[in-house]
C-alpha atoms as a PDB file:
ATOM      1  CA  UNK A   1      -9.297 -51.305  96.632  1.00  0.00           C
ATOM      2  CA  UNK A   2      -8.942 -47.922  98.339  1.00  0.00           C
ATOM      3  CA  UNK A   3     -12.633 -47.060  98.237  1.00  0.00           C
ATOM      4  CA  UNK A   4     -13.658 -48.907 101.474  1.00  0.00           C
ATOM      5  CA  UNK A   5     -10.795 -47.252 103.356  1.00  0.00           C
ATOM      6  CA  UNK A   6     -11.824 -43.849 102.052  1.00  0.00           C
ATOM      7  CA  UNK A   7     -15.396 -44.396 103.167  1.00  0.00           C
ATOM      8  CA  UNK A   8     -14.241 -45.435 106.635  1.00  0.00           C
ATOM      9  CA  UNK A   9     -12.074 -42.329 106.899  1.00  0.00           C
ATOM     10  CA  UNK A  10     -14.989 -40.079 105.922  1.00  0.00           C
ATOM     11  CA  UNK A  11     -17.284 -41.794 108.405  1.00  0.00           C
ATOM     12  CA  UNK A  12     -14.707 -41.405 111.176  1.00  0.00           C
ATOM     13  CA  UNK A  13     -14.221 -37.762 110.248  1.00  0.00           C
ATOM     14  CA  UNK A  14     -17.962 -37.094 110.466  1.00  0.00           C
ATOM     15  CA  UNK A  15     -18.229 -38.839 113.844  1.00  0.00           C
ATOM     16  CA  UNK A  16     -15.276 -36.930 115.289  1.00  0.00           C
ATOM     17  CA  UNK A  17     -16.588 -33.626 113.984  1.00  0.00           C
ATOM     18  CA  UNK A  18     -20.014 -34.365 115.452  1.00  0.00           C
ATOM     19  CA  UNK A  19     -18.557 -35.207 118.866  1.00  0.00           C
ATOM     20  CA  UNK A  20     -16.306 -32.146 118.960  1.00  0.00           C
ATOM     21  CA  UNK A  21     -19.157 -29.818 118.046  1.00  0.00           C
ATOM     22  CA  UNK A  22     -21.656 -31.439 120.445  1.00  0.00           C
ATOM     23  CA  UNK A  23     -21.018 -28.899 123.186  1.00  0.00           C
ATOM     24  CA  UNK A  24     -22.125 -26.148 120.815  1.00  0.00           C
ATOM     25  CA  UNK A  25     -25.565 -27.708 120.282  1.00  0.00           C
ATOM     26  CA  UNK A  26     -28.258 -26.886 122.815  1.00  0.00           C
ATOM     27  CA  UNK A  27     -31.953 -26.108 122.999  1.00  0.00           C
ATOM     28  CA  UNK A  28     -35.184 -28.082 123.003  1.00  0.00           C
ATOM     29  CA  UNK A  29     -36.587 -30.586 120.530  1.00  0.00           C
ATOM     30  CA  UNK A  30     -40.048 -32.156 120.451  1.00  0.00           C
ATOM     31  CA  UNK A  31     -40.099 -35.689 119.059  1.00  0.00           C
ATOM     32  CA  UNK A  32     -43.316 -37.402 118.010  1.00  0.00           C
ATOM     33  CA  UNK A  33     -43.774 -41.172 117.800  1.00  0.00           C
ATOM     34  CA  UNK A  34     -46.687 -43.633 117.819  1.00  0.00           C
ATOM     35  CA  UNK A  35     -46.976 -45.492 121.096  1.00  0.00           C
ATOM     36  CA  UNK A  36     -46.462 -48.836 119.369  1.00  0.00           C
ATOM     37  CA  UNK A  37     -42.897 -47.845 118.440  1.00  0.00           C
ATOM     38  CA  UNK A  38     -41.951 -45.628 121.363  1.00  0.00           C
ATOM     39  CA  UNK A  39     -40.784 -48.311 123.785  1.00  0.00           C
ATOM     40  CA  UNK A  40     -38.820 -50.206 121.153  1.00  0.00           C
ATOM     41  CA  UNK A  41     -37.137 -47.458 119.098  1.00  0.00           C
ATOM     42  CA  UNK A  42     -36.758 -44.450 121.370  1.00  0.00           C
ATOM     43  CA  UNK A  43     -34.677 -45.858 124.265  1.00  0.00           C
ATOM     44  CA  UNK A  44     -31.722 -46.724 122.047  1.00  0.00           C
ATOM     45  CA  UNK A  45     -31.984 -43.525 120.017  1.00  0.00           C
ATOM     46  CA  UNK A  46     -32.468 -41.160 122.943  1.00  0.00           C
ATOM     47  CA  UNK A  47     -29.702 -42.771 124.971  1.00  0.00           C
ATOM     48  CA  UNK A  48     -27.118 -42.304 122.220  1.00  0.00           C
ATOM     49  CA  UNK A  49     -28.400 -38.803 121.421  1.00  0.00           C
ATOM     50  CA  UNK A  50     -28.239 -37.719 125.047  1.00  0.00           C
ATOM     51  CA  UNK A  51     -24.683 -38.978 125.322  1.00  0.00           C
ATOM     52  CA  UNK A  52     -23.637 -37.039 122.216  1.00  0.00           C
ATOM     53  CA  UNK A  53     -25.659 -33.868 122.937  1.00  0.00           C
ATOM     54  CA  UNK A  54     -26.118 -33.544 126.706  1.00  0.00           C
ATOM     55  CA  UNK A  55     -27.256 -29.904 126.461  1.00  0.00           C
ATOM     56  CA  UNK A  56     -30.281 -30.683 124.290  1.00  0.00           C
ATOM     57  CA  UNK A  57     -33.622 -31.241 126.036  1.00  0.00           C
ATOM     58  CA  UNK A  58     -35.900 -33.714 124.226  1.00  0.00           C
ATOM     59  CA  UNK A  59     -39.655 -33.878 124.839  1.00  0.00           C
ATOM     60  CA  UNK A  60     -41.489 -36.942 123.506  1.00  0.00           C
ATOM     61  CA  UNK A  61     -45.107 -36.841 122.330  1.00  0.00           C
ATOM     62  CA  UNK A  62     -46.845 -40.173 121.640  1.00  0.00           C
ATOM     63  CA  UNK A  63     -49.722 -39.948 119.163  1.00  0.00           C
ATOM     64  CA  UNK A  64     -51.232 -41.600 116.095  1.00  0.00           C
ATOM     65  CA  UNK A  65     -49.583 -40.966 112.739  1.00  0.00           C
ATOM     66  CA  UNK A  66     -52.405 -38.684 111.544  1.00  0.00           C
ATOM     67  CA  UNK A  67     -52.075 -36.528 114.642  1.00  0.00           C
ATOM     68  CA  UNK A  68     -48.307 -36.314 114.219  1.00  0.00           C
ATOM     69  CA  UNK A  69     -48.689 -35.033 110.654  1.00  0.00           C
ATOM     70  CA  UNK A  70     -50.844 -32.170 111.930  1.00  0.00           C
ATOM     71  CA  UNK A  71     -48.433 -31.515 114.772  1.00  0.00           C
ATOM     72  CA  UNK A  72     -45.527 -31.140 112.333  1.00  0.00           C
ATOM     73  CA  UNK A  73     -47.517 -28.669 110.216  1.00  0.00           C
ATOM     74  CA  UNK A  74     -48.566 -26.703 113.301  1.00  0.00           C
ATOM     75  CA  UNK A  75     -44.959 -26.593 114.576  1.00  0.00           C
ATOM     76  CA  UNK A  76     -45.861 -28.483 117.755  1.00  0.00           C
ATOM     77  CA  UNK A  77     -43.472 -31.309 116.836  1.00  0.00           C
ATOM     78  CA  UNK A  78     -40.034 -30.885 115.288  1.00  0.00           C
ATOM     79  CA  UNK A  79     -39.223 -34.471 114.325  1.00  0.00           C
ATOM     80  CA  UNK A  80     -41.476 -37.529 114.118  1.00  0.00           C
ATOM     81  CA  UNK A  81     -41.239 -41.251 113.494  1.00  0.00           C
ATOM     82  CA  UNK A  82     -44.423 -42.428 111.796  1.00  0.00           C
ATOM     83  CA  UNK A  83     -46.001 -45.168 109.705  1.00  0.00           C
ATOM     84  CA  UNK A  84     -46.516 -44.417 106.021  1.00  0.00           C
ATOM     85  CA  UNK A  85     -50.262 -44.120 105.370  1.00  0.00           C
ATOM     86  CA  UNK A  86     -52.015 -43.209 102.101  1.00  0.00           C
ATOM     87  CA  UNK A  87     -52.669 -39.478 101.998  1.00  0.00           C
ATOM     88  CA  UNK A  88     -51.110 -38.839 105.405  1.00  0.00           C
ATOM     89  CA  UNK A  89     -47.932 -36.748 105.641  1.00  0.00           C
ATOM     90  CA  UNK A  90     -46.937 -33.239 106.691  1.00  0.00           C
ATOM     91  CA  UNK A  91     -47.880 -30.671 104.067  1.00  0.00           C
ATOM     92  CA  UNK A  92     -44.622 -28.791 104.486  1.00  0.00           C
ATOM     93  CA  UNK A  93     -42.212 -31.318 105.909  1.00  0.00           C
ATOM     94  CA  UNK A  94     -39.201 -33.365 104.886  1.00  0.00           C
ATOM     95  CA  UNK A  95     -39.944 -37.075 104.570  1.00  0.00           C
ATOM     96  CA  UNK A  96     -37.624 -40.060 104.299  1.00  0.00           C
ATOM     97  CA  UNK A  97     -38.046 -43.812 104.694  1.00  0.00           C
ATOM     98  CA  UNK A  98     -36.261 -45.464 107.598  1.00  0.00           C
ATOM     99  CA  UNK A  99     -37.064 -49.110 106.961  1.00  0.00           C
ATOM    100  CA  UNK A 100     -39.748 -51.647 106.118  1.00  0.00           C
ATOM    101  CA  UNK A 101     -41.446 -53.305 109.102  1.00  0.00           C
ATOM    102  CA  UNK A 102     -43.174 -56.695 108.641  1.00  0.00           C
ATOM    103  CA  UNK A 103     -46.387 -56.983 110.662  1.00  0.00           C
ATOM    104  CA  UNK A 104     -47.047 -60.115 112.703  1.00  0.00           C
ATOM    105  CA  UNK A 105     -49.716 -61.654 114.897  1.00  0.00           C
ATOM    106  CA  UNK A 106     -48.666 -62.205 118.507  1.00  0.00           C
ATOM    107  CA  UNK A 107     -50.279 -64.175 121.291  1.00  0.00           C
ATOM    108  CA  UNK A 108     -49.463 -65.687 124.656  1.00  0.00           C
ATOM    109  CA  UNK A 109     -46.832 -68.417 124.519  1.00  0.00           C
ATOM    110  CA  UNK A 110     -48.627 -71.749 124.472  1.00  0.00           C
ATOM    111  CA  UNK A 111     -51.976 -69.917 124.434  1.00  0.00           C
ATOM    112  CA  UNK A 112     -55.185 -70.937 122.726  1.00  0.00           C
ATOM    113  CA  UNK A 113     -56.713 -67.587 121.743  1.00  0.00           C
ATOM    114  CA  UNK A 114     -55.668 -67.983 118.102  1.00  0.00           C
ATOM    115  CA  UNK A 115     -57.507 -71.329 117.889  1.00  0.00           C
ATOM    116  CA  UNK A 116     -60.902 -69.963 118.866  1.00  0.00           C
ATOM    117  CA  UNK A 117     -63.530 -70.217 116.132  1.00  0.00           C
ATOM    118  CA  UNK A 118     -64.174 -66.475 116.359  1.00  0.00           C
ATOM    119  CA  UNK A 119     -60.775 -64.859 116.702  1.00  0.00           C
ATOM    120  CA  UNK A 120     -60.526 -62.498 119.715  1.00  0.00           C
ATOM    121  CA  UNK A 121     -58.554 -59.345 118.918  1.00  0.00           C
ATOM    122  CA  UNK A 122     -56.997 -56.564 120.969  1.00  0.00           C
ATOM    123  CA  UNK A 123     -56.392 -53.616 118.653  1.00  0.00           C
ATOM    124  CA  UNK A 124     -55.406 -49.988 118.642  1.00  0.00           C
ATOM    125  CA  UNK A 125     -58.126 -47.386 118.132  1.00  0.00           C
ATOM    126  CA  UNK A 126     -59.717 -46.666 114.758  1.00  0.00           C
ATOM    127  CA  UNK A 127     -57.485 -44.738 112.397  1.00  0.00           C
ATOM    128  CA  UNK A 128     -54.473 -46.969 113.025  1.00  0.00           C
ATOM    129  CA  UNK A 129     -53.000 -48.620 109.913  1.00  0.00           C
ATOM    130  CA  UNK A 130     -52.028 -51.831 111.740  1.00  0.00           C
ATOM    131  CA  UNK A 131     -55.644 -52.288 112.787  1.00  0.00           C
ATOM    132  CA  UNK A 132     -56.975 -51.683 109.263  1.00  0.00           C
ATOM    133  CA  UNK A 133     -54.507 -54.088 107.655  1.00  0.00           C
ATOM    134  CA  UNK A 134     -55.237 -56.827 110.199  1.00  0.00           C
ATOM    135  CA  UNK A 135     -58.999 -56.618 109.759  1.00  0.00           C
ATOM    136  CA  UNK A 136     -58.658 -56.529 105.988  1.00  0.00           C
ATOM    137  CA  UNK A 137     -56.489 -59.665 106.031  1.00  0.00           C
ATOM    138  CA  UNK A 138     -59.034 -61.508 108.178  1.00  0.00           C
ATOM    139  CA  UNK A 139     -61.886 -60.360 105.944  1.00  0.00           C
ATOM    140  CA  UNK A 140     -60.127 -61.597 102.812  1.00  0.00           C
ATOM    141  CA  UNK A 141     -59.378 -64.925 104.491  1.00  0.00           C
ATOM    142  CA  UNK A 142     -62.990 -65.296 105.632  1.00  0.00           C
ATOM    143  CA  UNK A 143     -61.920 -65.690 109.264  1.00  0.00           C
ATOM    144  CA  UNK A 144     -64.546 -64.623 111.845  1.00  0.00           C
ATOM    145  CA  UNK A 145     -63.279 -62.162 114.435  1.00  0.00           C
ATOM    146  CA  UNK A 146     -64.397 -60.009 117.331  1.00  0.00           C
ATOM    147  CA  UNK A 147     -62.689 -57.110 119.091  1.00  0.00           C
ATOM    148  CA  UNK A 148     -62.377 -57.767 122.799  1.00  0.00           C
ATOM    149  CA  UNK A 149     -60.171 -54.787 123.622  1.00  0.00           C
ATOM    150  CA  UNK A 150     -59.459 -51.380 122.103  1.00  0.00           C
ATOM    151  CA  UNK A 151     -56.644 -49.273 123.511  1.00  0.00           C
ATOM    152  CA  UNK A 152     -54.432 -46.353 122.510  1.00  0.00           C
ATOM    153  CA  UNK A 153     -51.612 -47.949 124.486  1.00  0.00           C
ATOM    154  CA  UNK A 154     -49.558 -50.870 123.201  1.00  0.00           C
ATOM    155  CA  UNK A 155     -48.871 -51.906 126.805  1.00  0.00           C
ATOM    156  CA  UNK A 156     -52.614 -52.296 127.371  1.00  0.00           C
ATOM    157  CA  UNK A 157     -52.911 -54.554 124.325  1.00  0.00           C
ATOM    158  CA  UNK A 158     -49.918 -56.597 125.412  1.00  0.00           C
ATOM    159  CA  UNK A 159     -51.452 -57.140 128.839  1.00  0.00           C
ATOM    160  CA  UNK A 160     -54.611 -58.560 127.279  1.00  0.00           C
ATOM    161  CA  UNK A 161     -52.571 -60.784 124.952  1.00  0.00           C
ATOM    162  CA  UNK A 162     -50.446 -62.060 127.852  1.00  0.00           C
ATOM    163  CA  UNK A 163     -53.630 -63.202 129.583  1.00  0.00           C
ATOM    164  CA  UNK A 164     -54.468 -65.255 126.460  1.00  0.00           C
ATOM    165  CA  UNK A 165     -57.714 -63.306 126.097  1.00  0.00           C
ATOM    166  CA  UNK A 166     -56.867 -62.052 122.592  1.00  0.00           C
ATOM    167  CA  UNK A 167     -54.144 -61.779 119.988  1.00  0.00           C
ATOM    168  CA  UNK A 168     -52.551 -58.545 118.807  1.00  0.00           C
ATOM    169  CA  UNK A 169     -50.881 -57.126 115.710  1.00  0.00           C
ATOM    170  CA  UNK A 170     -47.444 -55.572 116.039  1.00  0.00           C
ATOM    171  CA  UNK A 171     -44.346 -54.804 114.024  1.00  0.00           C
ATOM    172  CA  UNK A 172     -41.990 -57.769 113.957  1.00  0.00           C
ATOM    173  CA  UNK A 173     -39.333 -55.809 115.858  1.00  0.00           C
ATOM    174  CA  UNK A 174     -41.713 -55.321 118.800  1.00  0.00           C
ATOM    175  CA  UNK A 175     -40.959 -58.257 121.048  1.00  0.00           C
ATOM    176  CA  UNK A 176     -42.448 -58.872 124.478  1.00  0.00           C
ATOM    177  CA  UNK A 177     -41.497 -61.539 126.985  1.00  0.00           C
ATOM    178  CA  UNK A 178     -44.377 -63.977 127.308  1.00  0.00           C
ATOM    179  CA  UNK A 179     -45.679 -63.361 123.791  1.00  0.00           C
ATOM    180  CA  UNK A 180     -44.773 -65.242 120.631  1.00  0.00           C
ATOM    181  CA  UNK A 181     -45.185 -64.623 116.922  1.00  0.00           C
ATOM    182  CA  UNK A 182     -47.996 -66.723 115.511  1.00  0.00           C
ATOM    183  CA  UNK A 183     -46.745 -68.050 112.195  1.00  0.00           C
ATOM    184  CA  UNK A 184     -48.254 -70.101 109.381  1.00  0.00           C
ATOM    185  CA  UNK A 185     -49.113 -73.025 111.658  1.00  0.00           C
ATOM    186  CA  UNK A 186     -51.555 -70.824 113.558  1.00  0.00           C
ATOM    187  CA  UNK A 187     -53.842 -70.715 110.548  1.00  0.00           C
ATOM    188  CA  UNK A 188     -53.907 -66.931 110.606  1.00  0.00           C
ATOM    189  CA  UNK A 189     -53.643 -65.041 107.314  1.00  0.00           C
ATOM    190  CA  UNK A 190     -50.321 -63.354 106.497  1.00  0.00           C
ATOM    191  CA  UNK A 191     -49.995 -59.655 107.168  1.00  0.00           C
ATOM    192  CA  UNK A 192     -48.372 -57.073 104.886  1.00  0.00           C
ATOM    193  CA  UNK A 193     -45.389 -54.952 105.811  1.00  0.00           C
ATOM    194  CA  UNK A 194     -45.513 -51.247 106.599  1.00  0.00           C
ATOM    195  CA  UNK A 195     -42.954 -48.516 106.063  1.00  0.00           C
ATOM    196  CA  UNK A 196     -41.450 -46.639 108.980  1.00  0.00           C
ATOM    197  CA  UNK A 197     -40.901 -42.988 108.079  1.00  0.00           C
ATOM    198  CA  UNK A 198     -38.989 -40.022 109.461  1.00  0.00           C
ATOM    199  CA  UNK A 199     -40.670 -36.635 109.252  1.00  0.00           C
ATOM    200  CA  UNK A 200     -39.237 -33.254 110.171  1.00  0.00           C
ATOM    201  CA  UNK A 201     -40.211 -29.666 109.761  1.00  0.00           C
ATOM    202  CA  UNK A 202     -38.871 -27.940 106.665  1.00  0.00           C
ATOM    203  CA  UNK A 203     -38.643 -24.387 108.036  1.00  0.00           C
ATOM    204  CA  UNK A 204     -37.391 -22.854 111.303  1.00  0.00           C
ATOM    205  CA  UNK A 205     -35.575 -26.058 112.208  1.00  0.00           C
ATOM    206  CA  UNK A 206     -33.000 -25.826 114.967  1.00  0.00           C
ATOM    207  CA  UNK A 207     -29.573 -27.438 114.802  1.00  0.00           C
ATOM    208  CA  UNK A 208     -30.643 -29.668 117.693  1.00  0.00           C
ATOM    209  CA  UNK A 209     -33.642 -30.943 115.702  1.00  0.00           C
ATOM    210  CA  UNK A 210     -31.427 -31.664 112.708  1.00  0.00           C
ATOM    211  CA  UNK A 211     -29.008 -33.622 114.890  1.00  0.00           C
ATOM    212  CA  UNK A 212     -31.846 -35.644 116.421  1.00  0.00           C
ATOM    213  CA  UNK A 213     -33.182 -36.495 112.954  1.00  0.00           C
ATOM    214  CA  UNK A 214     -29.705 -37.658 111.950  1.00  0.00           C
ATOM    215  CA  UNK A 215     -29.450 -39.822 115.069  1.00  0.00           C
ATOM    216  CA  UNK A 216     -32.823 -41.424 114.360  1.00  0.00           C
ATOM    217  CA  UNK A 217     -31.724 -42.212 110.815  1.00  0.00           C
ATOM    218  CA  UNK A 218     -28.526 -43.784 112.141  1.00  0.00           C
ATOM    219  CA  UNK A 219     -30.117 -45.921 114.873  1.00  0.00           C
ATOM    220  CA  UNK A 220     -33.520 -46.780 113.383  1.00  0.00           C
ATOM    221  CA  UNK A 221     -32.677 -47.699 109.809  1.00  0.00           C
ATOM    222  CA  UNK A 222     -32.079 -51.295 110.892  1.00  0.00           C
ATOM    223  CA  UNK A 223     -33.845 -53.118 113.744  1.00  0.00           C
ATOM    224  CA  UNK A 224     -31.770 -53.393 116.925  1.00  0.00           C
END
């Protein structure tokens, strides 16, 4: 009976201690994140982190997961949010899973792109796991496809999808006004889920970087 109360007391203690010691934390932190997640995860995380640690300067680097792994190893990035990919991870970094992200097809609301005989796609550049999983699902389903747009920017892909010129693949938590998730009725094959990971350097890690990693774990473990 007392256990829930004890847990609440410990949580409150940790929060109070963190707030009281915030003024002691300063410095710079470089955070890496794929573009597809940046606009949907970082605002909430960075806003709460800035409020708690106003003396810490955060620089954000958007890059593909493979590039972020190298950046961690080369000490160019302190903390990174990335997609789990086979054989891709920092060689000397700490790794933990944040959450599982279902992948979905998205297209313009009321659009017809998904009904074309040869499915028009707007995809991220080669080397992106979302792209590989989408093409593999279409191949297994025997659905003809063509790539009408390739971009390193999720906003570029969304613009093409909004014009009903193509459909895109995103994490389910990535929602855009004017686009809708294309479910089973669309006739498109189901997509697998991916795992969202948190990476951070193992050595020479500042207190500020540790606090940012903790804030990401707190805010990103469950979709907003």
